[in-house]
Amino acid sequence: MSEQNTENRRMVRRRTVIKGAAWSIPVIAAATAIPLAAASTTTPRGPSRPAVTCGSTAAGDNGSYTVDGQRVIVSYDSAPDVYELNAHFVDGTSASYGTNYGTAPAQGSRRWSVETGRPVSWVQVHSFNTHYQNGVCQ
């Protein structure tokens, strides 16, 4: 009889372990995904997110600019002497555009559209005090 009790206990323990393991798989999968989502600090701006327009005369800006995903459109109140735009991207890289980089519009232009090719996370436009960062004008 003691052999049968030992065998029954062993089977119960095996079943309990297997049940516990089966229930823990979804919990472990969720627990490993949550920290990855929480660690993400920048969000790509794409067509599904609204464009953000920065710039104000109160801040001393020379017009306004709109950040829309992979494009920055600058509208100047008066044409600047130098066109310059610095951008940081969600992938951690950065680039500069404008007069010194061969990507400026014609001298005297009051509108400038810059296609960055990557989602923008930060923008600074020469002659603007307002900066764009992660969906907010500062």
N, C-alpha and C. Protein backbone atom coordinates (compact mmCIF):
# COMPACT_ATOMS: atom_id res chain seq x y z
N MET A 1 0.80 -1.19 0.00
CA MET A 1 0.00 0.00 0.00
C MET A 1 0.85 1.26 0.00
N SER A 2 1.95 1.24 0.70
CA SER A 2 2.78 2.44 0.73
C SER A 2 3.37 2.73 -0.65
N GLU A 3 3.62 1.70 -1.46
CA GLU A 3 4.08 1.93 -2.83
C GLU A 3 3.03 2.67 -3.64
N GLN A 4 1.76 2.32 -3.49
CA GLN A 4 0.68 2.96 -4.23
C GLN A 4 0.54 4.42 -3.80
N ASN A 5 0.63 4.73 -2.51
CA ASN A 5 0.55 6.10 -2.04
C ASN A 5 1.69 6.94 -2.59
N THR A 6 2.89 6.40 -2.62
CA THR A 6 4.05 7.11 -3.16
C THR A 6 3.84 7.40 -4.64
N GLU A 7 3.35 6.42 -5.39
CA GLU A 7 3.11 6.59 -6.81
C GLU A 7 2.04 7.65 -7.06
N ASN A 8 0.94 7.65 -6.31
CA ASN A 8 -0.13 8.64 -6.46
C ASN A 8 0.39 10.04 -6.16
N ARG A 9 1.21 10.16 -5.12
CA ARG A 9 1.75 11.48 -4.79
C ARG A 9 2.64 11.99 -5.91
N ARG A 10 3.44 11.14 -6.48
CA ARG A 10 4.33 11.52 -7.56
C ARG A 10 3.52 11.99 -8.76
N MET A 11 2.43 11.31 -9.10
CA MET A 11 1.60 11.68 -10.24
C MET A 11 0.91 13.02 -9.99
N VAL A 12 0.45 13.25 -8.79
CA VAL A 12 -0.21 14.52 -8.48
C VAL A 12 0.79 15.66 -8.61
N ARG A 13 1.95 15.46 -8.14
CA ARG A 13 2.97 16.51 -8.22
C ARG A 13 3.31 16.80 -9.68
N ARG A 14 3.44 15.78 -10.49
CA ARG A 14 3.73 16.00 -11.90
C ARG A 14 2.63 16.79 -12.57
N ARG A 15 1.39 16.41 -12.30
CA ARG A 15 0.25 17.13 -12.89
C ARG A 15 0.22 18.57 -12.41
N THR A 16 0.47 18.77 -11.15
CA THR A 16 0.47 20.13 -10.59
C THR A 16 1.55 20.98 -11.26
N VAL A 17 2.71 20.41 -11.44
CA VAL A 17 3.82 21.13 -12.07
C VAL A 17 3.47 21.46 -13.52
N ILE A 18 2.92 20.51 -14.24
CA ILE A 18 2.57 20.74 -15.64
C ILE A 18 1.48 21.80 -15.75
N LYS A 19 0.47 21.72 -14.87
CA LYS A 19 -0.59 22.74 -14.89
C LYS A 19 -0.01 24.12 -14.59
N GLY A 20 0.84 24.19 -13.59
CA GLY A 20 1.46 25.47 -13.23
C GLY A 20 2.30 26.04 -14.37
N ALA A 21 3.04 25.17 -15.04
CA ALA A 21 3.86 25.62 -16.17
C ALA A 21 2.99 26.11 -17.31
N ALA A 22 1.91 25.40 -17.58
CA ALA A 22 1.01 25.80 -18.67
C ALA A 22 0.38 27.16 -18.38
N TRP A 23 0.01 27.41 -17.14
CA TRP A 23 -0.59 28.70 -16.79
C TRP A 23 0.44 29.82 -16.76
N SER A 24 1.70 29.51 -16.51
CA SER A 24 2.71 30.57 -16.38
C SER A 24 3.21 31.08 -17.73
N ILE A 25 3.06 30.31 -18.79
CA ILE A 25 3.56 30.74 -20.10
C ILE A 25 2.96 32.08 -20.53
N PRO A 26 1.63 32.27 -20.51
CA PRO A 26 1.11 33.59 -20.90
C PRO A 26 1.54 34.71 -19.95
N VAL A 27 1.69 34.39 -18.66
CA VAL A 27 2.10 35.40 -17.69
C VAL A 27 3.53 35.85 -17.97
N ILE A 28 4.41 34.91 -18.24
CA ILE A 28 5.81 35.24 -18.55
C ILE A 28 5.88 36.04 -19.85
N ALA A 29 5.13 35.66 -20.85
CA ALA A 29 5.13 36.38 -22.13
C ALA A 29 4.68 37.82 -21.93
N ALA A 30 3.66 38.04 -21.15
CA ALA A 30 3.17 39.40 -20.89
C ALA A 30 4.18 40.18 -20.06
N ALA A 31 4.79 39.54 -19.08
CA ALA A 31 5.75 40.22 -18.21
C ALA A 31 6.99 40.67 -18.96
N THR A 32 7.41 39.94 -19.99
CA THR A 32 8.58 40.35 -20.75
C THR A 32 8.24 41.43 -21.76
N ALA A 33 7.01 41.51 -22.22
CA ALA A 33 6.62 42.53 -23.20
C ALA A 33 6.38 43.88 -22.55
N ILE A 34 5.90 43.91 -21.33
CA ILE A 34 5.55 45.17 -20.66
C ILE A 34 6.77 46.08 -20.46
N PRO A 35 7.92 45.59 -19.95
CA PRO A 35 9.06 46.49 -19.79
C PRO A 35 9.56 47.06 -21.12
N LEU A 36 9.49 46.29 -22.20
CA LEU A 36 9.92 46.80 -23.50
C LEU A 36 9.05 47.97 -23.94
N ALA A 37 7.75 47.87 -23.73
CA ALA A 37 6.86 48.97 -24.10
C ALA A 37 7.09 50.17 -23.20
N ALA A 38 7.32 49.95 -21.94
CA ALA A 38 7.54 51.05 -21.01
C ALA A 38 8.86 51.76 -21.26
N ALA A 39 9.86 51.06 -21.80
CA ALA A 39 11.17 51.65 -22.06
C ALA A 39 11.17 52.54 -23.28
N SER A 40 10.19 52.45 -24.13
CA SER A 40 10.13 53.28 -25.33
C SER A 40 9.83 54.72 -24.94
N THR A 41 10.73 55.66 -25.31
CA THR A 41 10.56 57.04 -24.90
C THR A 41 10.12 57.95 -26.03
N THR A 42 10.38 57.56 -27.26
CA THR A 42 9.96 58.40 -28.37
C THR A 42 9.02 57.63 -29.27
N THR A 43 8.08 58.34 -29.80
CA THR A 43 7.08 57.73 -30.66
C THR A 43 7.22 58.28 -32.06
N PRO A 44 7.31 57.43 -33.07
CA PRO A 44 7.37 57.94 -34.43
C PRO A 44 6.08 58.68 -34.79
N ARG A 45 6.24 59.78 -35.48
CA ARG A 45 5.08 60.52 -35.96
C ARG A 45 4.80 60.04 -37.36
N GLY A 46 3.62 59.66 -37.62
CA GLY A 46 3.26 59.17 -38.94
C GLY A 46 1.95 59.75 -39.39
N PRO A 47 1.43 59.26 -40.50
CA PRO A 47 0.19 59.79 -41.03
C PRO A 47 -0.99 59.67 -40.07
N SER A 48 -0.94 58.71 -39.15
CA SER A 48 -2.06 58.52 -38.24
C SER A 48 -2.05 59.52 -37.08
N ARG A 49 -0.94 60.22 -36.86
CA ARG A 49 -0.86 61.20 -35.78
C ARG A 49 -1.01 62.59 -36.37
N PRO A 50 -1.59 63.51 -35.63
CA PRO A 50 -1.79 64.86 -36.16
C PRO A 50 -0.48 65.63 -36.30
N ALA A 51 -0.45 66.51 -37.26
CA ALA A 51 0.70 67.39 -37.44
C ALA A 51 0.73 68.40 -36.30
N VAL A 52 1.93 68.90 -35.97
CA VAL A 52 2.10 69.89 -34.91
C VAL A 52 2.73 71.14 -35.51
N THR A 53 2.13 72.29 -35.25
CA THR A 53 2.66 73.55 -35.76
C THR A 53 3.27 74.33 -34.60
N CYS A 54 4.51 74.79 -34.80
CA CYS A 54 5.25 75.55 -33.80
C CYS A 54 5.53 76.95 -34.32
N GLY A 55 5.77 77.85 -33.40
CA GLY A 55 6.15 79.21 -33.77
C GLY A 55 5.14 80.22 -33.29
N SER A 56 5.65 81.32 -32.75
CA SER A 56 4.76 82.40 -32.32
C SER A 56 5.53 83.70 -32.32
N THR A 57 4.86 84.77 -32.65
CA THR A 57 5.51 86.08 -32.63
C THR A 57 5.85 86.48 -31.19
N ALA A 58 5.07 86.02 -30.23
CA ALA A 58 5.37 86.31 -28.82
C ALA A 58 6.72 85.73 -28.41
N ALA A 59 7.09 84.60 -29.01
CA ALA A 59 8.38 83.97 -28.71
C ALA A 59 9.50 84.55 -29.56
N GLY A 60 9.17 85.46 -30.47
CA GLY A 60 10.18 86.06 -31.34
C GLY A 60 10.47 85.25 -32.57
N ASP A 61 9.57 84.36 -32.94
CA ASP A 61 9.77 83.51 -34.11
C ASP A 61 9.44 84.25 -35.40
N ASN A 62 10.12 83.89 -36.47
CA ASN A 62 9.93 84.48 -37.79
C ASN A 62 8.91 83.66 -38.58
N GLY A 63 7.72 83.46 -38.03
CA GLY A 63 6.69 82.69 -38.72
C GLY A 63 6.32 81.45 -37.95
N SER A 64 6.10 80.35 -38.68
CA SER A 64 5.74 79.09 -38.05
C SER A 64 6.28 77.94 -38.88
N TYR A 65 6.33 76.77 -38.27
CA TYR A 65 6.69 75.55 -39.01
C TYR A 65 5.85 74.40 -38.50
N THR A 66 5.57 73.49 -39.42
CA THR A 66 4.73 72.34 -39.11
C THR A 66 5.54 71.07 -39.25
N VAL A 67 5.50 70.23 -38.22
CA VAL A 67 6.17 68.92 -38.25
C VAL A 67 5.08 67.89 -38.49
N ASP A 68 5.22 67.16 -39.58
CA ASP A 68 4.20 66.16 -39.96
C ASP A 68 4.90 64.89 -40.40
N GLY A 69 5.19 64.02 -39.45
CA GLY A 69 5.84 62.75 -39.76
C GLY A 69 7.26 62.95 -40.23
N GLN A 70 7.49 62.77 -41.52
CA GLN A 70 8.82 62.86 -42.11
C GLN A 70 9.00 64.15 -42.90
N ARG A 71 8.20 65.14 -42.59
CA ARG A 71 8.26 66.42 -43.32
C ARG A 71 8.16 67.58 -42.34
N VAL A 72 8.94 68.63 -42.64
CA VAL A 72 8.86 69.88 -41.89
C VAL A 72 8.60 70.97 -42.91
N ILE A 73 7.52 71.73 -42.72
CA ILE A 73 7.17 72.81 -43.63
C ILE A 73 7.31 74.12 -42.86
N VAL A 74 8.21 74.99 -43.35
CA VAL A 74 8.47 76.26 -42.68
C VAL A 74 7.82 77.38 -43.47
N SER A 75 7.08 78.23 -42.78
CA SER A 75 6.47 79.43 -43.38
C SER A 75 7.03 80.64 -42.66
N TYR A 76 7.83 81.44 -43.37
CA TYR A 76 8.49 82.60 -42.78
C TYR A 76 7.62 83.85 -42.93
N ASP A 77 7.65 84.72 -41.91
CA ASP A 77 7.01 86.03 -42.03
C ASP A 77 7.81 86.89 -43.00
N SER A 78 9.13 86.82 -42.89
CA SER A 78 10.01 87.49 -43.85
C SER A 78 11.14 86.52 -44.19
N ALA A 79 11.56 86.56 -45.45
CA ALA A 79 12.58 85.61 -45.92
C ALA A 79 13.88 85.82 -45.14
N PRO A 80 14.47 84.74 -44.64
CA PRO A 80 15.72 84.87 -43.88
C PRO A 80 16.93 84.99 -44.81
N ASP A 81 18.05 85.46 -44.25
CA ASP A 81 19.30 85.49 -45.01
C ASP A 81 19.88 84.08 -45.14
N VAL A 82 19.70 83.29 -44.09
CA VAL A 82 20.22 81.92 -44.06
C VAL A 82 19.09 80.97 -43.71
N TYR A 83 18.96 79.92 -44.50
CA TYR A 83 17.97 78.87 -44.22
C TYR A 83 18.72 77.73 -43.53
N GLU A 84 18.26 77.36 -42.33
CA GLU A 84 18.90 76.25 -41.64
C GLU A 84 17.89 75.55 -40.75
N LEU A 85 17.86 74.22 -40.83
CA LEU A 85 16.98 73.39 -40.04
C LEU A 85 17.80 72.20 -39.54
N ASN A 86 17.76 71.96 -38.23
CA ASN A 86 18.44 70.81 -37.63
C ASN A 86 17.37 69.87 -37.10
N ALA A 87 17.54 68.59 -37.37
CA ALA A 87 16.54 67.60 -36.95
C ALA A 87 17.21 66.38 -36.31
N HIS A 88 16.53 65.86 -35.30
CA HIS A 88 16.90 64.57 -34.70
C HIS A 88 15.74 63.63 -35.02
N PHE A 89 16.07 62.36 -35.20
CA PHE A 89 15.06 61.38 -35.61
C PHE A 89 14.86 60.32 -34.54
N VAL A 90 13.72 59.64 -34.61
CA VAL A 90 13.40 58.63 -33.59
C VAL A 90 14.39 57.48 -33.58
N ASP A 91 15.15 57.29 -34.68
CA ASP A 91 16.14 56.21 -34.70
C ASP A 91 17.47 56.63 -34.06
N GLY A 92 17.53 57.87 -33.51
CA GLY A 92 18.73 58.32 -32.82
C GLY A 92 19.70 59.09 -33.71
N THR A 93 19.46 59.19 -34.99
CA THR A 93 20.34 59.92 -35.90
C THR A 93 19.88 61.37 -36.00
N SER A 94 20.68 62.19 -36.67
CA SER A 94 20.32 63.59 -36.88
C SER A 94 20.84 64.06 -38.23
N ALA A 95 20.31 65.19 -38.67
CA ALA A 95 20.73 65.77 -39.95
C ALA A 95 20.46 67.26 -39.94
N SER A 96 21.19 67.98 -40.78
CA SER A 96 20.99 69.42 -40.95
C SER A 96 20.67 69.69 -42.41
N TYR A 97 19.85 70.70 -42.63
CA TYR A 97 19.39 71.07 -43.96
C TYR A 97 19.54 72.57 -44.11
N GLY A 98 19.69 73.05 -45.35
CA GLY A 98 19.66 74.49 -45.59
C GLY A 98 20.78 75.01 -46.44
N THR A 99 21.04 76.30 -46.28
CA THR A 99 21.99 77.04 -47.11
C THR A 99 23.35 76.36 -47.13
N ASN A 100 23.89 76.01 -45.98
CA ASN A 100 25.23 75.42 -45.89
C ASN A 100 25.29 73.95 -46.30
N TYR A 101 24.14 73.37 -46.62
CA TYR A 101 24.08 71.95 -46.94
C TYR A 101 23.54 71.70 -48.34
N GLY A 102 23.32 72.77 -49.10
CA GLY A 102 22.83 72.64 -50.47
C GLY A 102 21.37 72.22 -50.58
N THR A 103 20.61 72.41 -49.52
CA THR A 103 19.20 71.97 -49.55
C THR A 103 18.23 73.11 -49.25
N ALA A 104 18.69 74.36 -49.40
CA ALA A 104 17.83 75.51 -49.12
C ALA A 104 16.95 75.83 -50.33
N PRO A 105 15.83 76.48 -50.08
CA PRO A 105 15.01 76.94 -51.21
C PRO A 105 15.70 78.15 -51.87
N ALA A 106 15.13 78.66 -52.92
CA ALA A 106 15.68 79.84 -53.59
C ALA A 106 15.72 81.01 -52.61
N GLN A 107 16.79 81.80 -52.68
CA GLN A 107 16.93 82.97 -51.81
C GLN A 107 15.69 83.86 -51.93
N GLY A 108 15.17 84.31 -50.82
CA GLY A 108 13.97 85.14 -50.81
C GLY A 108 12.68 84.37 -50.61
N SER A 109 12.76 83.03 -50.61
CA SER A 109 11.56 82.20 -50.41
C SER A 109 11.03 82.36 -48.99
N ARG A 110 9.72 82.39 -48.87
CA ARG A 110 9.09 82.48 -47.55
C ARG A 110 8.46 81.15 -47.14
N ARG A 111 8.60 80.14 -47.98
CA ARG A 111 8.08 78.81 -47.66
C ARG A 111 9.14 77.79 -48.03
N TRP A 112 9.34 76.82 -47.12
CA TRP A 112 10.39 75.81 -47.32
C TRP A 112 9.87 74.48 -46.81
N SER A 113 9.86 73.48 -47.66
CA SER A 113 9.42 72.14 -47.28
C SER A 113 10.63 71.21 -47.28
N VAL A 114 10.87 70.57 -46.13
CA VAL A 114 12.01 69.66 -45.97
C VAL A 114 11.48 68.24 -45.78
N GLU A 115 11.82 67.35 -46.72
CA GLU A 115 11.48 65.93 -46.62
C GLU A 115 12.66 65.23 -45.95
N THR A 116 12.46 64.72 -44.74
CA THR A 116 13.56 64.13 -43.99
C THR A 116 13.77 62.65 -44.31
N GLY A 117 12.74 61.96 -44.75
CA GLY A 117 12.85 60.53 -45.03
C GLY A 117 12.79 59.64 -43.79
N ARG A 118 12.70 60.26 -42.61
CA ARG A 118 12.64 59.52 -41.34
C ARG A 118 11.71 60.27 -40.38
N PRO A 119 11.05 59.57 -39.47
CA PRO A 119 10.20 60.24 -38.48
C PRO A 119 11.02 61.16 -37.57
N VAL A 120 10.56 62.39 -37.41
CA VAL A 120 11.27 63.43 -36.67
C VAL A 120 10.88 63.38 -35.19
N SER A 121 11.89 63.55 -34.31
CA SER A 121 11.61 63.64 -32.87
C SER A 121 11.96 65.01 -32.30
N TRP A 122 12.82 65.78 -32.97
CA TRP A 122 13.24 67.10 -32.49
C TRP A 122 13.59 67.97 -33.69
N VAL A 123 13.19 69.25 -33.65
CA VAL A 123 13.50 70.18 -34.74
C VAL A 123 13.86 71.55 -34.17
N GLN A 124 14.87 72.16 -34.77
CA GLN A 124 15.24 73.54 -34.49
C GLN A 124 15.40 74.22 -35.84
N VAL A 125 14.71 75.35 -36.01
CA VAL A 125 14.79 76.12 -37.25
C VAL A 125 15.48 77.44 -36.95
N HIS A 126 16.51 77.79 -37.76
CA HIS A 126 17.22 79.06 -37.60
C HIS A 126 16.23 80.22 -37.70
N SER A 127 16.34 81.17 -36.85
CA SER A 127 15.50 82.37 -36.71
C SER A 127 14.19 82.07 -35.95
N PHE A 128 14.13 80.91 -35.29
CA PHE A 128 12.98 80.56 -34.44
C PHE A 128 13.51 80.25 -33.03
N ASN A 129 12.84 80.75 -32.03
CA ASN A 129 13.19 80.43 -30.65
C ASN A 129 12.45 79.18 -30.17
N THR A 130 11.36 78.85 -30.83
CA THR A 130 10.55 77.69 -30.45
C THR A 130 11.15 76.43 -31.07
N HIS A 131 11.24 75.37 -30.28
CA HIS A 131 11.73 74.07 -30.76
C HIS A 131 10.60 73.05 -30.70
N TYR A 132 10.69 72.07 -31.56
CA TYR A 132 9.74 70.94 -31.53
C TYR A 132 10.45 69.77 -30.88
N GLN A 133 9.77 69.09 -29.96
CA GLN A 133 10.32 67.89 -29.35
C GLN A 133 9.23 66.91 -28.99
N ASN A 134 9.25 65.74 -29.64
CA ASN A 134 8.34 64.63 -29.35
C ASN A 134 6.87 65.05 -29.28
N GLY A 135 6.43 65.80 -30.28
CA GLY A 135 5.02 66.15 -30.36
C GLY A 135 4.62 67.43 -29.67
N VAL A 136 5.60 68.16 -29.09
CA VAL A 136 5.30 69.36 -28.32
C VAL A 136 6.21 70.50 -28.78
N CYS A 137 5.65 71.70 -28.88
CA CYS A 137 6.45 72.88 -29.16
C CYS A 137 6.92 73.48 -27.84
N GLN A 138 8.19 73.82 -27.78
CA GLN A 138 8.75 74.34 -26.53
C GLN A 138 9.45 75.66 -26.78
